[in-house]
């Protein structure tokens, strides 16, 4: 297969924007990054910028993790701080939350390693162990870390939580 060679870090932004079918990729860590490209960059700064375009925040999260300063936020803490139209996500039941996370945060949905729990006293058991640990990560790889629930999952929780509202009598 011939690779399309790019020499500018800014090209990484374009590579990350759409999948092979030309559909927009709202989640940059989704497993549908287009294939068939090569970035040939001539500086460390260029490589850092390209990584930021491909996987926003990955280097900062990794460095914080290595320094021992990366702290995760549980799903409940994230939902409890929602306001406005997303405040309703606080009504999401634990069983619904686990099912939602199992479908949206799986390896088929996102490549990040999940570092947070449902609550401080309730770990996520709806994800396979390899999605929750860095043990199997090769030493020469920068991990894609997830320190808290993303806005795409919060948005997906909203219609589920709305179903938990008491039914109005007609």
N, C-alpha and C. Protein backbone atom coordinates (compact mmCIF):
# COMPACT_ATOMS: atom_id res chain seq x y z
N UNK A 1 0.84 -1.17 0.00
CA UNK A 1 0.00 0.00 0.00
C UNK A 1 0.89 1.24 0.00
N UNK A 2 0.57 2.19 -0.86
CA UNK A 2 1.29 3.45 -0.90
C UNK A 2 0.78 4.37 0.21
N UNK A 3 1.71 5.01 0.89
CA UNK A 3 1.34 5.93 1.96
C UNK A 3 1.34 7.36 1.44
N UNK A 4 0.38 8.12 1.89
CA UNK A 4 0.34 9.54 1.57
C UNK A 4 1.21 10.26 2.59
N UNK A 5 2.32 10.83 2.15
CA UNK A 5 3.30 11.44 3.05
C UNK A 5 2.93 12.90 3.32
N UNK A 6 2.96 13.26 4.62
CA UNK A 6 2.69 14.62 5.06
C UNK A 6 3.93 15.13 5.79
N UNK A 7 4.25 16.39 5.59
CA UNK A 7 5.45 16.95 6.22
C UNK A 7 5.14 18.11 7.16
N UNK A 8 3.88 18.42 7.35
CA UNK A 8 3.49 19.51 8.24
C UNK A 8 2.67 18.95 9.41
N UNK A 9 2.95 19.37 10.63
CA UNK A 9 2.16 18.91 11.77
C UNK A 9 0.67 19.22 11.61
N UNK A 10 0.36 20.32 10.94
CA UNK A 10 -1.05 20.71 10.74
C UNK A 10 -1.82 19.67 9.95
N UNK A 11 -1.14 18.87 9.14
CA UNK A 11 -1.82 17.84 8.39
C UNK A 11 -2.43 16.78 9.30
N UNK A 12 -1.87 16.62 10.49
CA UNK A 12 -2.42 15.66 11.44
C UNK A 12 -3.83 16.04 11.84
N UNK A 13 -4.11 17.33 11.91
CA UNK A 13 -5.48 17.79 12.23
C UNK A 13 -6.46 17.32 11.16
N UNK A 14 -6.06 17.42 9.91
CA UNK A 14 -6.93 16.98 8.82
C UNK A 14 -7.09 15.45 8.81
N UNK A 15 -6.00 14.75 9.09
CA UNK A 15 -6.05 13.29 9.14
C UNK A 15 -7.03 12.83 10.22
N UNK A 16 -7.02 13.50 11.36
CA UNK A 16 -7.85 13.09 12.50
C UNK A 16 -9.31 13.51 12.35
N UNK A 17 -9.61 14.41 11.46
CA UNK A 17 -10.95 14.99 11.38
C UNK A 17 -12.01 14.04 10.81
N UNK A 18 -11.67 13.23 9.81
CA UNK A 18 -12.65 12.39 9.13
C UNK A 18 -12.19 10.94 9.07
N UNK A 19 -13.14 10.02 9.03
CA UNK A 19 -12.80 8.61 8.87
C UNK A 19 -12.68 8.27 7.38
N UNK A 20 -12.47 7.01 7.06
CA UNK A 20 -12.26 6.59 5.67
C UNK A 20 -13.48 6.85 4.79
N UNK A 21 -14.67 6.89 5.38
CA UNK A 21 -15.90 7.16 4.62
C UNK A 21 -16.18 8.66 4.49
N UNK A 22 -15.30 9.48 5.05
CA UNK A 22 -15.49 10.92 4.98
C UNK A 22 -16.40 11.47 6.07
N UNK A 23 -16.75 10.64 7.05
CA UNK A 23 -17.59 11.07 8.16
C UNK A 23 -16.75 11.76 9.23
N UNK A 24 -17.31 12.81 9.82
CA UNK A 24 -16.63 13.54 10.88
C UNK A 24 -16.39 12.64 12.09
N UNK A 25 -15.21 12.75 12.71
CA UNK A 25 -14.85 11.96 13.90
C UNK A 25 -14.88 12.86 15.13
N UNK A 26 -16.01 12.91 15.86
CA UNK A 26 -16.07 13.78 17.03
C UNK A 26 -15.16 13.31 18.16
N UNK A 27 -14.90 12.02 18.22
CA UNK A 27 -14.04 11.46 19.26
C UNK A 27 -12.70 11.10 18.62
N UNK A 28 -11.67 11.84 18.95
CA UNK A 28 -10.37 11.63 18.31
C UNK A 28 -9.71 10.32 18.72
N UNK A 29 -10.17 9.69 19.79
CA UNK A 29 -9.61 8.40 20.20
C UNK A 29 -10.50 7.23 19.79
N UNK A 30 -11.41 7.48 18.87
CA UNK A 30 -12.21 6.38 18.30
C UNK A 30 -11.28 5.52 17.43
N UNK A 31 -11.59 4.24 17.29
CA UNK A 31 -10.69 3.35 16.53
C UNK A 31 -10.85 3.46 15.01
N UNK A 32 -11.39 4.56 14.52
CA UNK A 32 -11.64 4.68 13.08
C UNK A 32 -10.76 5.73 12.40
N UNK A 33 -9.56 5.92 12.93
CA UNK A 33 -8.62 6.85 12.30
C UNK A 33 -8.29 6.33 10.90
N UNK A 34 -8.33 7.22 9.94
CA UNK A 34 -8.05 6.82 8.56
C UNK A 34 -6.65 6.24 8.44
N UNK A 35 -6.46 5.31 7.55
CA UNK A 35 -5.16 4.66 7.34
C UNK A 35 -4.52 5.16 6.05
N UNK A 36 -3.26 4.79 5.84
CA UNK A 36 -2.59 5.09 4.58
C UNK A 36 -1.83 6.40 4.55
N UNK A 37 -1.39 6.88 5.70
CA UNK A 37 -0.65 8.14 5.77
C UNK A 37 0.62 7.97 6.56
N UNK A 38 1.54 8.88 6.35
CA UNK A 38 2.81 8.90 7.07
C UNK A 38 3.16 10.35 7.34
N UNK A 39 3.47 10.66 8.59
CA UNK A 39 3.94 11.99 8.94
C UNK A 39 5.46 11.97 9.01
N UNK A 40 6.12 12.76 8.20
CA UNK A 40 7.57 12.91 8.26
C UNK A 40 7.85 14.32 8.76
N UNK A 41 8.11 14.41 10.05
CA UNK A 41 8.31 15.70 10.67
C UNK A 41 9.76 15.84 11.08
N UNK A 42 10.26 17.05 11.05
CA UNK A 42 11.69 17.26 11.21
C UNK A 42 12.09 17.88 12.54
N UNK A 43 11.16 17.90 13.49
CA UNK A 43 11.52 18.44 14.79
C UNK A 43 10.65 17.78 15.87
N UNK A 44 11.16 17.79 17.07
CA UNK A 44 10.39 17.27 18.20
C UNK A 44 9.15 18.12 18.43
N UNK A 45 9.27 19.42 18.28
CA UNK A 45 8.13 20.32 18.45
C UNK A 45 7.03 20.00 17.44
N UNK A 46 7.44 19.70 16.20
CA UNK A 46 6.47 19.34 15.17
C UNK A 46 5.76 18.04 15.51
N UNK A 47 6.50 17.09 16.05
CA UNK A 47 5.90 15.81 16.44
C UNK A 47 4.93 16.00 17.60
N UNK A 48 5.31 16.82 18.57
CA UNK A 48 4.42 17.10 19.70
C UNK A 48 3.12 17.75 19.22
N UNK A 49 3.23 18.69 18.31
CA UNK A 49 2.05 19.36 17.78
C UNK A 49 1.17 18.38 17.00
N UNK A 50 1.77 17.54 16.20
CA UNK A 50 1.01 16.54 15.44
C UNK A 50 0.28 15.59 16.39
N UNK A 51 0.95 15.14 17.45
CA UNK A 51 0.30 14.27 18.43
C UNK A 51 -0.88 14.97 19.09
N UNK A 52 -0.73 16.25 19.35
CA UNK A 52 -1.82 17.02 19.96
C UNK A 52 -3.01 17.11 19.01
N UNK A 53 -2.75 17.22 17.73
CA UNK A 53 -3.84 17.24 16.75
C UNK A 53 -4.51 15.87 16.62
N UNK A 54 -3.71 14.82 16.64
CA UNK A 54 -4.26 13.47 16.50
C UNK A 54 -5.00 13.02 17.75
N UNK A 55 -4.39 13.21 18.90
CA UNK A 55 -4.94 12.76 20.18
C UNK A 55 -4.82 13.89 21.20
N UNK A 56 -5.76 14.82 21.21
CA UNK A 56 -5.66 16.00 22.09
C UNK A 56 -5.43 15.62 23.56
N UNK A 57 -4.46 16.27 24.16
CA UNK A 57 -4.17 16.09 25.58
C UNK A 57 -3.35 14.87 25.94
N UNK A 58 -3.01 14.02 24.99
CA UNK A 58 -2.35 12.74 25.31
C UNK A 58 -1.00 12.93 26.01
N UNK A 59 -0.21 13.86 25.54
CA UNK A 59 1.11 14.05 26.15
C UNK A 59 1.02 14.61 27.56
N UNK A 60 0.18 15.59 27.77
CA UNK A 60 0.01 16.17 29.09
C UNK A 60 -0.52 15.15 30.10
N UNK A 61 -1.49 14.35 29.69
CA UNK A 61 -2.02 13.31 30.58
C UNK A 61 -0.96 12.28 30.92
N UNK A 62 -0.19 11.88 29.93
CA UNK A 62 0.85 10.88 30.16
C UNK A 62 1.92 11.40 31.10
N UNK A 63 2.35 12.64 30.87
CA UNK A 63 3.37 13.22 31.75
C UNK A 63 2.84 13.36 33.18
N UNK A 64 1.60 13.77 33.35
CA UNK A 64 1.01 13.84 34.69
C UNK A 64 0.95 12.47 35.33
N UNK A 65 0.62 11.46 34.55
CA UNK A 65 0.57 10.09 35.06
C UNK A 65 1.95 9.66 35.53
N UNK A 66 2.99 9.91 34.70
CA UNK A 66 4.35 9.53 35.04
C UNK A 66 4.84 10.25 36.30
N UNK A 67 4.42 11.48 36.48
CA UNK A 67 4.81 12.26 37.66
C UNK A 67 4.00 11.89 38.91
N UNK A 68 2.94 11.11 38.72
CA UNK A 68 2.08 10.75 39.84
C UNK A 68 1.11 11.84 40.24
N UNK A 69 0.87 12.79 39.34
CA UNK A 69 -0.03 13.91 39.65
C UNK A 69 -1.37 13.83 38.92
N UNK A 70 -1.58 12.79 38.15
CA UNK A 70 -2.84 12.64 37.42
C UNK A 70 -3.89 12.04 38.34
N UNK A 71 -4.98 12.75 38.52
CA UNK A 71 -6.07 12.28 39.37
C UNK A 71 -7.31 12.06 38.52
N UNK A 72 -8.00 10.98 38.78
CA UNK A 72 -9.21 10.69 38.02
C UNK A 72 -10.42 11.23 38.75
N UNK A 73 -11.51 11.38 38.02
CA UNK A 73 -12.78 11.85 38.54
C UNK A 73 -13.81 10.79 38.24
N UNK A 74 -14.51 10.31 39.26
CA UNK A 74 -15.49 9.25 39.05
C UNK A 74 -16.62 9.73 38.15
N UNK A 75 -17.34 8.77 37.58
CA UNK A 75 -18.46 9.10 36.72
C UNK A 75 -19.51 9.90 37.49
N UNK A 76 -19.79 9.49 38.71
CA UNK A 76 -20.79 10.19 39.53
C UNK A 76 -20.36 11.63 39.81
N UNK A 77 -19.07 11.85 40.08
CA UNK A 77 -18.60 13.22 40.31
C UNK A 77 -18.80 14.06 39.06
N UNK A 78 -18.50 13.48 37.89
CA UNK A 78 -18.67 14.20 36.63
C UNK A 78 -20.14 14.53 36.40
N UNK A 79 -21.02 13.55 36.60
CA UNK A 79 -22.45 13.79 36.38
C UNK A 79 -23.00 14.76 37.42
N UNK A 80 -22.53 14.69 38.66
CA UNK A 80 -23.04 15.56 39.71
C UNK A 80 -22.70 17.03 39.50
N UNK A 81 -21.69 17.32 38.70
CA UNK A 81 -21.35 18.72 38.47
C UNK A 81 -22.02 19.29 37.21
N UNK A 82 -22.84 18.47 36.53
CA UNK A 82 -23.52 18.94 35.33
C UNK A 82 -24.61 19.94 35.69
N UNK A 83 -24.78 20.93 34.82
CA UNK A 83 -25.81 21.95 35.01
C UNK A 83 -26.63 22.07 33.74
N UNK A 84 -27.64 22.92 33.78
CA UNK A 84 -28.44 23.17 32.58
C UNK A 84 -29.11 21.91 32.09
N UNK A 85 -29.11 21.73 30.78
CA UNK A 85 -29.82 20.60 30.18
C UNK A 85 -29.19 19.25 30.52
N UNK A 86 -27.95 19.24 31.02
CA UNK A 86 -27.29 17.97 31.37
C UNK A 86 -27.40 17.62 32.85
N UNK A 87 -28.03 18.51 33.63
CA UNK A 87 -28.22 18.22 35.05
C UNK A 87 -29.02 16.92 35.25
N UNK A 88 -29.90 16.64 34.33
CA UNK A 88 -30.74 15.44 34.43
C UNK A 88 -29.93 14.15 34.44
N UNK A 89 -28.71 14.19 33.94
CA UNK A 89 -27.88 12.98 33.93
C UNK A 89 -27.60 12.46 35.33
N UNK A 90 -27.83 13.30 36.33
CA UNK A 90 -27.66 12.86 37.72
C UNK A 90 -28.69 11.78 38.09
N UNK A 91 -29.76 11.65 37.30
CA UNK A 91 -30.79 10.64 37.55
C UNK A 91 -30.43 9.27 36.96
N UNK A 92 -29.32 9.19 36.27
CA UNK A 92 -28.89 7.93 35.68
C UNK A 92 -28.63 6.90 36.78
N UNK A 93 -29.27 5.75 36.67
CA UNK A 93 -29.07 4.69 37.67
C UNK A 93 -27.73 4.01 37.42
N UNK A 94 -27.18 3.37 38.46
CA UNK A 94 -25.90 2.68 38.34
C UNK A 94 -25.92 1.62 37.25
N UNK A 95 -26.98 0.83 37.16
CA UNK A 95 -27.05 -0.21 36.14
C UNK A 95 -27.05 0.40 34.74
N UNK A 96 -27.73 1.53 34.57
CA UNK A 96 -27.74 2.21 33.28
C UNK A 96 -26.37 2.80 32.96
N UNK A 97 -25.72 3.34 33.98
CA UNK A 97 -24.39 3.92 33.80
C UNK A 97 -23.40 2.85 33.37
N UNK A 98 -23.44 1.71 34.02
CA UNK A 98 -22.52 0.62 33.68
C UNK A 98 -22.75 0.13 32.25
N UNK A 99 -24.01 0.03 31.85
CA UNK A 99 -24.32 -0.41 30.48
C UNK A 99 -23.85 0.63 29.46
N UNK A 100 -24.09 1.90 29.76
CA UNK A 100 -23.66 2.97 28.86
C UNK A 100 -22.14 2.98 28.69
N UNK A 101 -21.42 2.90 29.79
CA UNK A 101 -19.96 2.88 29.74
C UNK A 101 -19.47 1.65 29.00
N UNK A 102 -20.10 0.51 29.24
CA UNK A 102 -19.71 -0.72 28.56
C UNK A 102 -19.83 -0.63 27.05
N UNK A 103 -20.83 0.11 26.58
CA UNK A 103 -21.00 0.24 25.14
C UNK A 103 -20.19 1.38 24.54
N UNK A 104 -20.14 2.54 25.20
CA UNK A 104 -19.47 3.71 24.63
C UNK A 104 -17.96 3.72 24.85
N UNK A 105 -17.50 3.18 25.96
CA UNK A 105 -16.08 3.25 26.31
C UNK A 105 -15.33 1.97 25.99
N UNK A 106 -15.97 1.03 25.34
CA UNK A 106 -15.31 -0.23 24.97
C UNK A 106 -14.24 0.05 23.93
N UNK A 107 -13.42 -0.92 23.65
CA UNK A 107 -12.36 -0.76 22.64
C UNK A 107 -12.93 -0.50 21.25
N UNK A 108 -14.18 -0.89 21.03
CA UNK A 108 -14.82 -0.62 19.74
C UNK A 108 -15.28 0.83 19.65
N UNK A 109 -15.43 1.50 20.81
CA UNK A 109 -15.90 2.88 20.82
C UNK A 109 -14.80 3.89 21.06
N UNK A 110 -13.82 3.52 21.89
CA UNK A 110 -12.76 4.45 22.27
C UNK A 110 -11.50 3.67 22.64
N UNK A 111 -10.36 4.20 22.27
CA UNK A 111 -9.09 3.52 22.52
C UNK A 111 -8.44 3.90 23.84
N UNK A 112 -9.04 4.82 24.58
CA UNK A 112 -8.44 5.27 25.83
C UNK A 112 -8.52 4.19 26.92
N UNK A 113 -7.55 4.21 27.81
CA UNK A 113 -7.56 3.37 29.01
C UNK A 113 -8.28 4.15 30.10
N UNK A 114 -9.35 3.58 30.62
CA UNK A 114 -10.21 4.25 31.59
C UNK A 114 -9.59 4.16 32.99
N UNK A 115 -9.38 5.31 33.60
CA UNK A 115 -8.75 5.38 34.93
C UNK A 115 -9.77 5.68 36.03
N UNK A 116 -11.01 5.99 35.69
CA UNK A 116 -12.01 6.37 36.67
C UNK A 116 -12.96 5.21 36.96
N UNK A 117 -13.68 5.35 38.05
CA UNK A 117 -14.68 4.36 38.46
C UNK A 117 -16.08 4.98 38.36
N UNK A 118 -17.08 4.14 38.56
CA UNK A 118 -18.45 4.65 38.56
C UNK A 118 -18.62 5.61 39.74
N UNK A 119 -18.26 5.14 40.91
CA UNK A 119 -18.20 5.95 42.13
C UNK A 119 -16.91 5.56 42.84
N UNK A 120 -16.55 6.31 43.83
CA UNK A 120 -15.32 5.97 44.57
C UNK A 120 -15.42 4.58 45.19
N UNK A 121 -16.63 4.17 45.57
CA UNK A 121 -16.82 2.87 46.20
C UNK A 121 -17.33 1.80 45.25
N UNK A 122 -17.42 2.13 43.95
CA UNK A 122 -17.96 1.17 42.98
C UNK A 122 -17.14 1.21 41.69
N UNK A 123 -16.29 0.20 41.48
CA UNK A 123 -15.48 0.18 40.26
C UNK A 123 -16.34 -0.17 39.03
N UNK A 124 -15.80 0.15 37.89
CA UNK A 124 -16.47 -0.22 36.63
C UNK A 124 -16.24 -1.70 36.38
N UNK A 125 -17.29 -2.46 36.31
CA UNK A 125 -17.15 -3.88 35.98
C UNK A 125 -17.74 -4.18 34.61
N UNK A 126 -18.11 -3.13 33.88
CA UNK A 126 -18.71 -3.32 32.56
C UNK A 126 -17.68 -3.19 31.44
N UNK A 127 -16.43 -3.00 31.81
CA UNK A 127 -15.35 -2.93 30.82
C UNK A 127 -14.37 -4.07 31.08
N UNK A 128 -13.80 -4.63 30.03
CA UNK A 128 -12.79 -5.68 30.23
C UNK A 128 -11.56 -5.13 30.95
N UNK A 129 -10.87 -6.00 31.65
CA UNK A 129 -9.70 -5.60 32.45
C UNK A 129 -8.66 -4.85 31.62
N UNK A 130 -8.45 -5.25 30.37
CA UNK A 130 -7.42 -4.60 29.54
C UNK A 130 -7.78 -3.15 29.22
N UNK A 131 -9.05 -2.74 29.37
CA UNK A 131 -9.46 -1.35 29.17
C UNK A 131 -9.20 -0.50 30.41
N UNK A 132 -8.84 -1.16 31.52
CA UNK A 132 -8.70 -0.46 32.79
C UNK A 132 -7.29 -0.54 33.37
N UNK A 133 -6.36 -1.10 32.62
CA UNK A 133 -5.00 -1.23 33.15
C UNK A 133 -3.97 -0.91 32.07
N UNK A 134 -2.83 -0.45 32.52
CA UNK A 134 -1.72 -0.15 31.61
C UNK A 134 -0.69 -1.26 31.61
N UNK A 135 -0.98 -2.37 32.28
CA UNK A 135 -0.02 -3.47 32.41
C UNK A 135 0.42 -4.04 31.08
N UNK A 136 -0.49 -4.15 30.12
CA UNK A 136 -0.16 -4.79 28.85
C UNK A 136 0.43 -3.81 27.83
N UNK A 137 0.57 -2.56 28.21
CA UNK A 137 1.06 -1.55 27.30
C UNK A 137 2.56 -1.72 27.06
N UNK A 138 2.99 -1.82 25.80
CA UNK A 138 4.43 -1.88 25.51
C UNK A 138 5.13 -0.62 26.02
N UNK A 139 6.35 -0.77 26.47
CA UNK A 139 7.11 0.34 27.07
C UNK A 139 7.38 1.47 26.08
N UNK A 140 7.33 1.18 24.79
CA UNK A 140 7.62 2.21 23.79
C UNK A 140 6.37 2.92 23.26
N UNK A 141 5.26 2.82 23.97
CA UNK A 141 4.00 3.43 23.53
C UNK A 141 3.56 4.51 24.52
N UNK A 142 2.97 5.54 23.99
CA UNK A 142 2.35 6.57 24.82
C UNK A 142 0.90 6.15 25.00
N UNK A 143 0.46 5.94 26.24
CA UNK A 143 -0.92 5.48 26.43
C UNK A 143 -1.93 6.60 26.22
N UNK A 144 -3.09 6.22 25.75
CA UNK A 144 -4.22 7.14 25.64
C UNK A 144 -5.01 6.99 26.93
N UNK A 145 -4.91 7.96 27.81
CA UNK A 145 -5.50 7.87 29.14
C UNK A 145 -6.81 8.65 29.21
N UNK A 146 -7.76 8.10 29.94
CA UNK A 146 -9.05 8.74 30.18
C UNK A 146 -9.18 8.98 31.67
N UNK A 147 -9.10 10.24 32.09
CA UNK A 147 -9.14 10.55 33.51
C UNK A 147 -10.54 10.87 34.01
N UNK A 148 -11.49 11.12 33.08
CA UNK A 148 -12.88 11.34 33.47
C UNK A 148 -13.80 11.12 32.28
N UNK A 149 -15.05 10.94 32.59
CA UNK A 149 -16.09 10.72 31.59
C UNK A 149 -16.08 11.86 30.57
N UNK A 150 -16.12 11.53 29.30
CA UNK A 150 -16.08 12.56 28.26
C UNK A 150 -17.48 13.12 28.00
N UNK A 151 -17.50 14.28 27.34
CA UNK A 151 -18.77 14.94 27.06
C UNK A 151 -19.66 14.14 26.12
N UNK A 152 -19.10 13.28 25.29
CA UNK A 152 -19.93 12.47 24.39
C UNK A 152 -20.74 11.44 25.18
N UNK A 153 -20.16 10.88 26.23
CA UNK A 153 -20.88 9.92 27.07
C UNK A 153 -21.89 10.66 27.95
N UNK A 154 -21.53 11.83 28.44
CA UNK A 154 -22.49 12.63 29.20
C UNK A 154 -23.71 12.93 28.33
N UNK A 155 -23.48 13.32 27.09
CA UNK A 155 -24.59 13.61 26.18
C UNK A 155 -25.43 12.35 25.93
N UNK A 156 -24.79 11.20 25.81
CA UNK A 156 -25.52 9.95 25.58
C UNK A 156 -26.31 9.53 26.83
N UNK A 157 -25.87 9.98 27.99
CA UNK A 157 -26.58 9.65 29.24
C UNK A 157 -27.88 10.43 29.39
N UNK A 158 -27.97 11.57 28.77
CA UNK A 158 -29.13 12.45 28.94
C UNK A 158 -30.46 11.78 28.57
N UNK A 159 -30.60 11.23 27.35
CA UNK A 159 -31.91 10.62 27.04
C UNK A 159 -32.23 9.40 27.91
N UNK A 160 -31.21 8.69 28.35
CA UNK A 160 -31.44 7.54 29.23
C UNK A 160 -31.97 8.03 30.57
N UNK A 161 -31.32 9.05 31.11
CA UNK A 161 -31.74 9.61 32.40
C UNK A 161 -33.13 10.23 32.32
N UNK A 162 -33.47 10.84 31.19
CA UNK A 162 -34.81 11.42 31.03
C UNK A 162 -35.89 10.35 31.17
N UNK A 163 -35.57 9.14 30.78
CA UNK A 163 -36.52 8.04 30.93
C UNK A 163 -36.77 7.67 32.39
N UNK A 164 -35.95 8.17 33.30
CA UNK A 164 -36.11 7.88 34.73
C UNK A 164 -37.00 8.90 35.43
N UNK A 165 -37.43 9.93 34.71
CA UNK A 165 -38.33 10.91 35.32
C UNK A 165 -39.67 10.26 35.61
N UNK A 166 -40.32 10.69 36.67
CA UNK A 166 -41.67 10.14 36.94
C UNK A 166 -42.60 10.48 35.79
N UNK A 167 -43.45 9.56 35.44
CA UNK A 167 -44.42 9.75 34.36
C UNK A 167 -45.51 10.68 34.84
N UNK A 168 -45.87 11.64 33.99
CA UNK A 168 -46.94 12.58 34.32
C UNK A 168 -48.28 11.92 34.01
N UNK A 169 -49.23 12.13 34.89
CA UNK A 169 -50.60 11.62 34.64
C UNK A 169 -51.25 12.51 33.59
N UNK A 170 -51.95 11.84 32.64
CA UNK A 170 -52.60 12.64 31.59
C UNK A 170 -53.98 13.05 31.99
